[in-house]
Amino acid sequence: MHVVNESAWDAHVFGCPGCGKLGIAIEGEPDRKPLESGGSYMGWTEGRAWPTTYKVVVRGVESVCPFIDPEPGKAEGAVGTRDVIYVVDESGKCVVGPVSMDDI
């Protein structure tokens, strides 16, 4: 699991194994230019049964991360499991990220 923060503000993640009641903060990048690649990120290994829900709060606004199937066997030519990557976009919402961290 990875969550990449591409917003200018800190993002607080809730629902991950190590997040606790207060969540975990991923620093924002106020000097980031629009459409610039990269961003601060955090990651963890998810061992809980799927599907699992994660929430992100940016500037007091909560968004629920959309479902991503970690078993791409349903996709043509895909084998095994894949990284699940969420991106906190420039507006502060949690959205589906790319298939690989190389694409960030």
N, C-alpha and C. Protein backbone atom coordinates (compact mmCIF):
# COMPACT_ATOMS: atom_id res chain seq x y z
N MET A 1 0.85 -1.18 0.00
CA MET A 1 0.00 0.00 0.00
C MET A 1 0.89 1.23 0.00
N HIS A 2 0.52 2.20 -0.81
CA HIS A 2 1.18 3.50 -0.81
C HIS A 2 0.13 4.59 -0.91
N VAL A 3 0.39 5.69 -0.22
CA VAL A 3 -0.41 6.89 -0.38
C VAL A 3 0.57 8.01 -0.70
N VAL A 4 0.37 8.66 -1.84
CA VAL A 4 1.23 9.75 -2.30
C VAL A 4 0.46 11.05 -2.18
N ASN A 5 1.05 12.03 -1.51
CA ASN A 5 0.40 13.33 -1.34
C ASN A 5 0.93 14.31 -2.37
N GLU A 6 0.10 14.62 -3.35
CA GLU A 6 0.47 15.60 -4.38
C GLU A 6 -0.14 16.97 -4.10
N SER A 7 -0.80 17.11 -2.95
CA SER A 7 -1.42 18.40 -2.63
C SER A 7 -0.42 19.31 -1.91
N ALA A 8 -0.79 20.57 -1.78
CA ALA A 8 0.05 21.55 -1.11
C ALA A 8 -0.07 21.45 0.42
N TRP A 9 -1.09 20.72 0.89
CA TRP A 9 -1.37 20.66 2.33
C TRP A 9 -1.08 19.28 2.89
N ASP A 10 -0.88 19.21 4.21
CA ASP A 10 -0.68 17.93 4.87
C ASP A 10 -1.95 17.09 4.73
N ALA A 11 -1.76 15.80 4.50
CA ALA A 11 -2.89 14.86 4.40
C ALA A 11 -2.80 13.90 5.57
N HIS A 12 -3.91 13.67 6.26
CA HIS A 12 -3.95 12.71 7.37
C HIS A 12 -4.68 11.46 6.90
N VAL A 13 -4.01 10.32 7.04
CA VAL A 13 -4.55 9.05 6.59
C VAL A 13 -5.09 8.30 7.81
N PHE A 14 -6.30 7.74 7.65
CA PHE A 14 -6.94 6.95 8.70
C PHE A 14 -7.33 5.59 8.13
N GLY A 15 -7.24 4.57 8.96
CA GLY A 15 -7.68 3.25 8.55
C GLY A 15 -6.55 2.28 8.25
N CYS A 16 -5.31 2.75 8.24
CA CYS A 16 -4.19 1.83 8.00
C CYS A 16 -3.77 1.19 9.32
N PRO A 17 -3.08 0.04 9.27
CA PRO A 17 -2.73 -0.68 10.50
C PRO A 17 -2.00 0.17 11.54
N GLY A 18 -1.10 1.04 11.13
CA GLY A 18 -0.33 1.83 12.08
C GLY A 18 -0.84 3.25 12.28
N CYS A 19 -2.01 3.56 11.75
CA CYS A 19 -2.51 4.94 11.80
C CYS A 19 -3.02 5.35 13.17
N GLY A 20 -3.56 4.44 13.93
CA GLY A 20 -4.10 4.79 15.23
C GLY A 20 -5.28 5.74 15.12
N LYS A 21 -5.73 6.25 16.27
CA LYS A 21 -6.90 7.13 16.30
C LYS A 21 -6.63 8.50 15.69
N LEU A 22 -5.37 8.95 15.73
CA LEU A 22 -5.04 10.28 15.24
C LEU A 22 -4.62 10.29 13.78
N GLY A 23 -4.46 9.13 13.19
CA GLY A 23 -4.04 9.06 11.79
C GLY A 23 -2.55 9.32 11.64
N ILE A 24 -2.09 9.23 10.42
CA ILE A 24 -0.69 9.51 10.10
C ILE A 24 -0.67 10.64 9.09
N ALA A 25 0.20 11.61 9.31
CA ALA A 25 0.28 12.77 8.41
C ALA A 25 1.32 12.53 7.33
N ILE A 26 0.96 12.92 6.11
CA ILE A 26 1.91 12.93 5.00
C ILE A 26 2.05 14.39 4.60
N GLU A 27 3.26 14.89 4.67
CA GLU A 27 3.51 16.30 4.43
C GLU A 27 3.06 16.76 3.06
N GLY A 28 2.51 17.96 3.02
CA GLY A 28 2.16 18.59 1.76
C GLY A 28 3.37 19.30 1.19
N GLU A 29 3.27 19.71 -0.05
CA GLU A 29 4.36 20.42 -0.71
C GLU A 29 3.83 21.73 -1.27
N PRO A 30 3.85 22.80 -0.46
CA PRO A 30 3.26 24.06 -0.89
C PRO A 30 3.94 24.68 -2.11
N ASP A 31 5.19 24.33 -2.37
CA ASP A 31 5.91 24.91 -3.51
C ASP A 31 5.80 24.05 -4.77
N ARG A 32 5.03 23.00 -4.71
CA ARG A 32 4.87 22.09 -5.84
C ARG A 32 4.16 22.79 -6.98
N LYS A 33 4.65 22.56 -8.19
CA LYS A 33 4.04 23.16 -9.38
C LYS A 33 2.97 22.22 -9.93
N PRO A 34 1.89 22.73 -10.49
CA PRO A 34 0.84 21.87 -11.07
C PRO A 34 1.43 20.89 -12.09
N LEU A 35 0.94 19.66 -12.05
CA LEU A 35 1.34 18.57 -12.94
C LEU A 35 2.78 18.11 -12.75
N GLU A 36 3.46 18.58 -11.70
CA GLU A 36 4.81 18.12 -11.41
C GLU A 36 4.72 16.72 -10.81
N SER A 37 5.63 15.83 -11.20
CA SER A 37 5.59 14.46 -10.68
C SER A 37 6.16 14.42 -9.27
N GLY A 38 5.99 13.29 -8.60
CA GLY A 38 6.52 13.11 -7.26
C GLY A 38 5.52 13.48 -6.19
N GLY A 39 6.02 13.69 -4.98
CA GLY A 39 5.18 14.01 -3.85
C GLY A 39 5.63 13.20 -2.64
N SER A 40 5.29 13.67 -1.45
CA SER A 40 5.61 12.91 -0.24
C SER A 40 4.72 11.68 -0.19
N TYR A 41 5.24 10.59 0.35
CA TYR A 41 4.42 9.38 0.42
C TYR A 41 4.76 8.56 1.65
N MET A 42 3.86 7.64 1.95
CA MET A 42 4.08 6.65 3.01
C MET A 42 3.56 5.32 2.48
N GLY A 43 4.04 4.25 3.06
CA GLY A 43 3.58 2.95 2.61
C GLY A 43 3.56 1.95 3.75
N TRP A 44 2.81 0.88 3.57
CA TRP A 44 2.73 -0.19 4.56
C TRP A 44 2.28 -1.46 3.87
N THR A 45 2.50 -2.58 4.53
CA THR A 45 2.02 -3.87 4.04
C THR A 45 0.68 -4.12 4.69
N GLU A 46 -0.32 -4.35 3.88
CA GLU A 46 -1.67 -4.58 4.40
C GLU A 46 -1.91 -6.08 4.53
N GLY A 47 -2.14 -6.55 5.74
CA GLY A 47 -2.38 -7.97 5.98
C GLY A 47 -3.83 -8.29 6.30
N ARG A 48 -4.67 -7.27 6.36
CA ARG A 48 -6.07 -7.50 6.70
C ARG A 48 -6.86 -7.98 5.48
N ALA A 49 -8.01 -8.59 5.73
CA ALA A 49 -8.87 -9.08 4.65
C ALA A 49 -9.31 -7.91 3.78
N TRP A 50 -9.42 -8.16 2.51
CA TRP A 50 -9.81 -7.13 1.54
C TRP A 50 -11.29 -7.23 1.27
N PRO A 51 -12.05 -6.23 1.03
CA PRO A 51 -11.62 -4.84 0.89
C PRO A 51 -11.46 -4.13 2.24
N THR A 52 -10.56 -3.20 2.27
CA THR A 52 -10.29 -2.37 3.43
C THR A 52 -10.49 -0.91 3.02
N THR A 53 -11.06 -0.12 3.91
CA THR A 53 -11.35 1.28 3.59
C THR A 53 -10.35 2.20 4.28
N TYR A 54 -9.88 3.17 3.54
CA TYR A 54 -8.98 4.19 4.08
C TYR A 54 -9.63 5.55 3.87
N LYS A 55 -9.37 6.44 4.80
CA LYS A 55 -9.89 7.80 4.68
C LYS A 55 -8.71 8.76 4.71
N VAL A 56 -8.87 9.87 4.01
CA VAL A 56 -7.87 10.92 3.98
C VAL A 56 -8.57 12.23 4.34
N VAL A 57 -7.94 13.00 5.22
CA VAL A 57 -8.49 14.30 5.60
C VAL A 57 -7.44 15.36 5.26
N VAL A 58 -7.86 16.32 4.45
CA VAL A 58 -7.00 17.44 4.06
C VAL A 58 -7.76 18.73 4.35
N ARG A 59 -7.18 19.58 5.19
CA ARG A 59 -7.79 20.86 5.56
C ARG A 59 -9.22 20.68 6.09
N GLY A 60 -9.44 19.61 6.85
CA GLY A 60 -10.74 19.36 7.47
C GLY A 60 -11.75 18.68 6.57
N VAL A 61 -11.41 18.41 5.32
CA VAL A 61 -12.33 17.77 4.39
C VAL A 61 -11.92 16.31 4.22
N GLU A 62 -12.89 15.41 4.46
CA GLU A 62 -12.62 13.97 4.41
C GLU A 62 -13.00 13.39 3.05
N SER A 63 -12.17 12.48 2.55
CA SER A 63 -12.52 11.72 1.36
C SER A 63 -12.18 10.25 1.63
N VAL A 64 -12.99 9.37 1.10
CA VAL A 64 -12.77 7.93 1.24
C VAL A 64 -12.06 7.46 -0.02
N CYS A 65 -10.98 6.73 0.17
CA CYS A 65 -10.23 6.23 -0.98
C CYS A 65 -11.06 5.18 -1.72
N PRO A 66 -11.10 5.25 -3.05
CA PRO A 66 -11.91 4.30 -3.83
C PRO A 66 -11.32 2.90 -3.77
N PHE A 67 -12.13 1.90 -4.06
CA PHE A 67 -11.70 0.51 -4.04
C PHE A 67 -10.73 0.24 -5.18
N ILE A 68 -9.62 -0.41 -4.87
CA ILE A 68 -8.67 -0.90 -5.87
C ILE A 68 -8.50 -2.39 -5.61
N ASP A 69 -8.70 -3.22 -6.62
CA ASP A 69 -8.54 -4.66 -6.48
C ASP A 69 -7.05 -5.01 -6.50
N PRO A 70 -6.51 -5.56 -5.38
CA PRO A 70 -5.08 -5.87 -5.34
C PRO A 70 -4.74 -7.16 -6.09
N GLU A 71 -5.74 -7.85 -6.60
CA GLU A 71 -5.50 -9.09 -7.32
C GLU A 71 -5.82 -8.87 -8.80
N PRO A 72 -4.79 -8.52 -9.58
CA PRO A 72 -5.04 -8.17 -10.97
C PRO A 72 -5.25 -9.38 -11.88
N GLY A 73 -5.46 -10.56 -11.29
CA GLY A 73 -5.69 -11.75 -12.10
C GLY A 73 -6.87 -11.60 -13.03
N LYS A 74 -7.76 -10.67 -12.70
CA LYS A 74 -8.93 -10.43 -13.54
C LYS A 74 -8.54 -9.61 -14.78
N ALA A 75 -7.41 -8.94 -14.71
CA ALA A 75 -6.96 -8.13 -15.84
C ALA A 75 -6.17 -9.01 -16.80
N GLU A 76 -6.35 -8.78 -18.05
CA GLU A 76 -5.67 -9.57 -19.07
C GLU A 76 -4.15 -9.46 -18.94
N GLY A 77 -3.47 -10.60 -18.86
CA GLY A 77 -2.02 -10.64 -18.81
C GLY A 77 -1.41 -10.35 -17.44
N ALA A 78 -2.22 -10.08 -16.42
CA ALA A 78 -1.70 -9.77 -15.10
C ALA A 78 -1.58 -11.03 -14.26
N VAL A 79 -0.52 -11.09 -13.47
CA VAL A 79 -0.28 -12.25 -12.62
C VAL A 79 0.03 -11.78 -11.21
N GLY A 80 -0.50 -12.50 -10.20
CA GLY A 80 -0.16 -12.22 -8.81
C GLY A 80 -0.82 -10.98 -8.26
N THR A 81 -0.21 -10.43 -7.21
CA THR A 81 -0.76 -9.24 -6.58
C THR A 81 -0.01 -8.01 -7.07
N ARG A 82 -0.57 -6.87 -6.80
CA ARG A 82 0.06 -5.62 -7.23
C ARG A 82 0.07 -4.64 -6.08
N ASP A 83 0.88 -3.61 -6.22
CA ASP A 83 0.85 -2.53 -5.25
C ASP A 83 -0.48 -1.80 -5.40
N VAL A 84 -1.01 -1.38 -4.29
CA VAL A 84 -2.20 -0.55 -4.31
C VAL A 84 -1.72 0.86 -3.99
N ILE A 85 -1.93 1.76 -4.94
CA ILE A 85 -1.42 3.13 -4.80
C ILE A 85 -2.57 4.12 -4.88
N TYR A 86 -2.66 4.93 -3.84
CA TYR A 86 -3.62 6.03 -3.83
C TYR A 86 -2.85 7.33 -3.94
N VAL A 87 -3.47 8.34 -4.53
CA VAL A 87 -2.87 9.65 -4.65
C VAL A 87 -3.82 10.66 -4.03
N VAL A 88 -3.29 11.53 -3.20
CA VAL A 88 -4.06 12.68 -2.71
C VAL A 88 -3.80 13.76 -3.75
N ASP A 89 -4.81 14.05 -4.55
CA ASP A 89 -4.62 14.96 -5.68
C ASP A 89 -4.49 16.42 -5.22
N GLU A 90 -4.30 17.31 -6.18
CA GLU A 90 -4.07 18.72 -5.86
C GLU A 90 -5.23 19.37 -5.12
N SER A 91 -6.43 18.79 -5.26
CA SER A 91 -7.59 19.35 -4.55
C SER A 91 -7.74 18.76 -3.15
N GLY A 92 -6.92 17.74 -2.81
CA GLY A 92 -6.96 17.13 -1.48
C GLY A 92 -7.82 15.89 -1.40
N LYS A 93 -8.26 15.34 -2.53
CA LYS A 93 -9.10 14.14 -2.54
C LYS A 93 -8.26 12.90 -2.80
N CYS A 94 -8.67 11.79 -2.19
CA CYS A 94 -8.01 10.51 -2.39
C CYS A 94 -8.55 9.88 -3.67
N VAL A 95 -7.66 9.59 -4.61
CA VAL A 95 -8.04 9.01 -5.90
C VAL A 95 -7.15 7.80 -6.19
N VAL A 96 -7.57 6.99 -7.15
CA VAL A 96 -6.79 5.82 -7.58
C VAL A 96 -5.50 6.31 -8.22
N GLY A 97 -4.39 5.72 -7.79
CA GLY A 97 -3.09 6.09 -8.35
C GLY A 97 -2.69 5.15 -9.47
N PRO A 98 -1.48 5.30 -9.98
CA PRO A 98 -1.01 4.43 -11.06
C PRO A 98 -0.74 3.03 -10.55
N VAL A 99 -0.47 2.11 -11.46
CA VAL A 99 -0.20 0.73 -11.10
C VAL A 99 1.18 0.58 -10.46
N SER A 100 2.09 1.46 -10.77
CA SER A 100 3.47 1.37 -10.28
C SER A 100 3.94 2.69 -9.69
N MET A 101 4.75 2.61 -8.65
CA MET A 101 5.34 3.82 -8.08
C MET A 101 6.30 4.48 -9.07
N ASP A 102 6.78 3.75 -10.06
CA ASP A 102 7.64 4.32 -11.09
C ASP A 102 6.91 5.37 -11.91
N ASP A 103 5.58 5.31 -11.89
CA ASP A 103 4.77 6.24 -12.68
C ASP A 103 4.39 7.51 -11.91
N ILE A 104 4.88 7.63 -10.69
CA ILE A 104 4.59 8.82 -9.86
C ILE A 104 5.56 9.92 -10.21
